[in-house]
Amino acid sequence: MPVVTPIFAPTDGNLAAAEAKIKFVTNAGEYFVELNGKILTQPELTVTPEEYDFKTVTVGKSATTTITATNTGSGELTISEIDLAESKDVFALESMSFPIKRKNKR
């Protein structure tokens, strides 16, 4: 007897579910097997740049840069905290904007 192995491998995070049918055509007629699957969407955080060098800054002056956090996944991303880790007193976070939403992939 033949064995059929269907594979469900979603690549579009904009879909919530997918369905298909396997069609068997035989000398006894046609037979269909329905396939259904739910698509789990996952957030993914991409931060650019991943590293930044302020180079040399004169005492009493300051330098700034922009770090951008983007949700490149297909689910909603929630950031509960942004803080400086392993910070010396010479670094600070000036401004932040929320929320981060998924990019529209349509």
C-alpha atoms as a PDB file:
ATOM      1  CA  MET A   1       0.000   0.000   0.000  1.00  0.00           C
ATOM      2  CA  PRO A   2       1.286   3.494  -0.768  1.00  0.00           C
ATOM      3  CA  VAL A   3       2.026   5.802   2.161  1.00  0.00           C
ATOM      4  CA  VAL A   4       1.516   9.568   1.873  1.00  0.00           C
ATOM      5  CA  THR A   5       3.260  11.880   4.342  1.00  0.00           C
ATOM      6  CA  PRO A   6       1.789  15.404   4.306  1.00  0.00           C
ATOM      7  CA  ILE A   7       3.987  18.188   5.680  1.00  0.00           C
ATOM      8  CA  PHE A   8       2.611  21.365   7.253  1.00  0.00           C
ATOM      9  CA  ALA A   9       5.282  24.104   7.135  1.00  0.00           C
ATOM     10  CA  PRO A  10       3.769  27.610   7.304  1.00  0.00           C
ATOM     11  CA  THR A  11       5.927  30.468   6.017  1.00  0.00           C
ATOM     12  CA  ASP A  12       3.385  33.310   6.113  1.00  0.00           C
ATOM     13  CA  GLY A  13       2.822  34.695   9.615  1.00  0.00           C
ATOM     14  CA  ASN A  14      -0.162  36.708   8.370  1.00  0.00           C
ATOM     15  CA  LEU A  15      -2.267  33.547   8.161  1.00  0.00           C
ATOM     16  CA  ALA A  16      -4.059  32.156  11.210  1.00  0.00           C
ATOM     17  CA  ALA A  17      -4.814  28.759   9.696  1.00  0.00           C
ATOM     18  CA  ALA A  18      -4.504  26.807   6.480  1.00  0.00           C
ATOM     19  CA  GLU A  19      -6.301  23.937   4.861  1.00  0.00           C
ATOM     20  CA  ALA A  20      -5.819  21.665   1.875  1.00  0.00           C
ATOM     21  CA  LYS A  21      -7.087  18.393   0.485  1.00  0.00           C
ATOM     22  CA  ILE A  22      -5.253  15.325  -0.708  1.00  0.00           C
ATOM     23  CA  LYS A  23      -6.978  13.834  -3.702  1.00  0.00           C
ATOM     24  CA  PHE A  24      -6.664  10.109  -4.454  1.00  0.00           C
ATOM     25  CA  VAL A  25      -7.818   9.120  -7.944  1.00  0.00           C
ATOM     26  CA  THR A  26      -8.366   5.398  -8.335  1.00  0.00           C
ATOM     27  CA  ASN A  27     -10.205   3.019 -10.617  1.00  0.00           C
ATOM     28  CA  ALA A  28     -12.794   2.882  -7.807  1.00  0.00           C
ATOM     29  CA  GLY A  29     -13.321   6.650  -7.861  1.00  0.00           C
ATOM     30  CA  GLU A  30     -11.923   9.727  -6.147  1.00  0.00           C
ATOM     31  CA  TYR A  31     -11.256  10.021  -2.420  1.00  0.00           C
ATOM     32  CA  PHE A  32     -10.314  13.173  -0.491  1.00  0.00           C
ATOM     33  CA  VAL A  33      -8.517  13.652   2.821  1.00  0.00           C
ATOM     34  CA  GLU A  34      -8.891  17.094   4.375  1.00  0.00           C
ATOM     35  CA  LEU A  35      -5.833  18.666   5.997  1.00  0.00           C
ATOM     36  CA  ASN A  36      -6.080  21.510   8.509  1.00  0.00           C
ATOM     37  CA  GLY A  37      -3.512  23.343  10.596  1.00  0.00           C
ATOM     38  CA  LYS A  38      -3.306  26.348  12.870  1.00  0.00           C
ATOM     39  CA  ILE A  39      -0.365  28.695  12.479  1.00  0.00           C
ATOM     40  CA  LEU A  40       1.336  29.862  15.650  1.00  0.00           C
ATOM     41  CA  THR A  41       2.782  33.331  15.293  1.00  0.00           C
ATOM     42  CA  GLN A  42       5.916  34.265  17.215  1.00  0.00           C
ATOM     43  CA  PRO A  43       7.485  37.656  17.875  1.00  0.00           C
ATOM     44  CA  GLU A  44      11.155  38.207  17.100  1.00  0.00           C
ATOM     45  CA  LEU A  45      13.171  41.170  18.324  1.00  0.00           C
ATOM     46  CA  THR A  46      15.773  42.679  15.995  1.00  0.00           C
ATOM     47  CA  VAL A  47      17.920  45.486  17.403  1.00  0.00           C
ATOM     48  CA  THR A  48      20.087  47.706  15.190  1.00  0.00           C
ATOM     49  CA  PRO A  49      22.839  48.423  15.562  1.00  0.00           C
ATOM     50  CA  GLU A  50      23.801  45.522  17.822  1.00  0.00           C
ATOM     51  CA  GLU A  51      26.886  47.417  18.992  1.00  0.00           C
ATOM     52  CA  TYR A  52      27.893  51.091  18.927  1.00  0.00           C
ATOM     53  CA  ASP A  53      31.203  52.829  19.651  1.00  0.00           C
ATOM     54  CA  PHE A  54      30.904  56.479  20.754  1.00  0.00           C
ATOM     55  CA  LYS A  55      34.612  56.929  19.972  1.00  0.00           C
ATOM     56  CA  THR A  56      36.162  59.818  21.946  1.00  0.00           C
ATOM     57  CA  VAL A  57      33.925  62.313  23.784  1.00  0.00           C
ATOM     58  CA  THR A  58      35.323  65.393  25.540  1.00  0.00           C
ATOM     59  CA  VAL A  59      34.686  65.758  29.285  1.00  0.00           C
ATOM     60  CA  GLY A  60      31.571  67.893  29.820  1.00  0.00           C
ATOM     61  CA  LYS A  61      30.166  67.084  26.341  1.00  0.00           C
ATOM     62  CA  SER A  62      27.888  64.236  25.303  1.00  0.00           C
ATOM     63  CA  ALA A  63      27.187  62.111  22.268  1.00  0.00           C
ATOM     64  CA  THR A  64      23.999  60.299  21.320  1.00  0.00           C
ATOM     65  CA  THR A  65      22.936  57.608  18.928  1.00  0.00           C
ATOM     66  CA  THR A  66      19.698  55.857  18.049  1.00  0.00           C
ATOM     67  CA  ILE A  67      19.141  52.180  18.751  1.00  0.00           C
ATOM     68  CA  THR A  68      16.109  50.786  16.948  1.00  0.00           C
ATOM     69  CA  ALA A  69      14.173  47.758  18.209  1.00  0.00           C
ATOM     70  CA  THR A  70      11.917  46.175  15.595  1.00  0.00           C
ATOM     71  CA  ASN A  71       9.570  43.230  15.791  1.00  0.00           C
ATOM     72  CA  THR A  72      10.477  41.246  12.689  1.00  0.00           C
ATOM     73  CA  GLY A  73       8.383  38.271  13.787  1.00  0.00           C
ATOM     74  CA  SER A  74       4.745  37.621  13.097  1.00  0.00           C
ATOM     75  CA  GLY A  75       3.307  37.811  16.620  1.00  0.00           C
ATOM     76  CA  GLU A  76       2.845  40.740  18.965  1.00  0.00           C
ATOM     77  CA  LEU A  77       6.012  41.628  20.886  1.00  0.00           C
ATOM     78  CA  THR A  78       5.765  43.047  24.397  1.00  0.00           C
ATOM     79  CA  ILE A  79       8.816  44.680  25.954  1.00  0.00           C
ATOM     80  CA  SER A  80       8.373  44.890  29.687  1.00  0.00           C
ATOM     81  CA  GLU A  81      11.576  46.748  30.536  1.00  0.00           C
ATOM     82  CA  ILE A  82      14.490  48.566  28.928  1.00  0.00           C
ATOM     83  CA  ASP A  83      17.384  49.346  31.220  1.00  0.00           C
ATOM     84  CA  LEU A  84      21.151  49.729  31.162  1.00  0.00           C
ATOM     85  CA  ALA A  85      22.975  46.547  32.081  1.00  0.00           C
ATOM     86  CA  GLU A  86      26.506  46.715  33.492  1.00  0.00           C
ATOM     87  CA  SER A  87      26.342  50.515  33.246  1.00  0.00           C
ATOM     88  CA  LYS A  88      28.872  52.962  34.538  1.00  0.00           C
ATOM     89  CA  ASP A  89      27.546  56.417  35.520  1.00  0.00           C
ATOM     90  CA  VAL A  90      28.638  57.879  32.170  1.00  0.00           C
ATOM     91  CA  PHE A  91      25.760  56.220  30.242  1.00  0.00           C
ATOM     92  CA  ALA A  92      22.051  57.077  30.388  1.00  0.00           C
ATOM     93  CA  LEU A  93      18.918  56.355  28.365  1.00  0.00           C
ATOM     94  CA  GLU A  94      17.469  59.586  27.043  1.00  0.00           C
ATOM     95  CA  SER A  95      14.187  58.703  25.365  1.00  0.00           C
ATOM     96  CA  MET A  96      12.123  55.663  24.456  1.00  0.00           C
ATOM     97  CA  SER A  97       8.967  55.203  22.431  1.00  0.00           C
ATOM     98  CA  PHE A  98       6.450  52.360  22.708  1.00  0.00           C
ATOM     99  CA  PRO A  99       4.791  50.093  21.716  1.00  0.00           C
ATOM    100  CA  ILE A 100       6.668  47.951  19.234  1.00  0.00           C
ATOM    101  CA  LYS A 101       4.311  46.392  16.728  1.00  0.00           C
ATOM    102  CA  ARG A 102       4.790  43.807  14.040  1.00  0.00           C
ATOM    103  CA  LYS A 103       5.788  45.080  10.617  1.00  0.00           C
ATOM    104  CA  ASN A 104       2.971  44.635   8.126  1.00  0.00           C
ATOM    105  CA  LYS A 105       4.132  41.888   5.776  1.00  0.00           C
ATOM    106  CA  ARG A 106       1.312  42.270   3.254  1.00  0.00           C
END
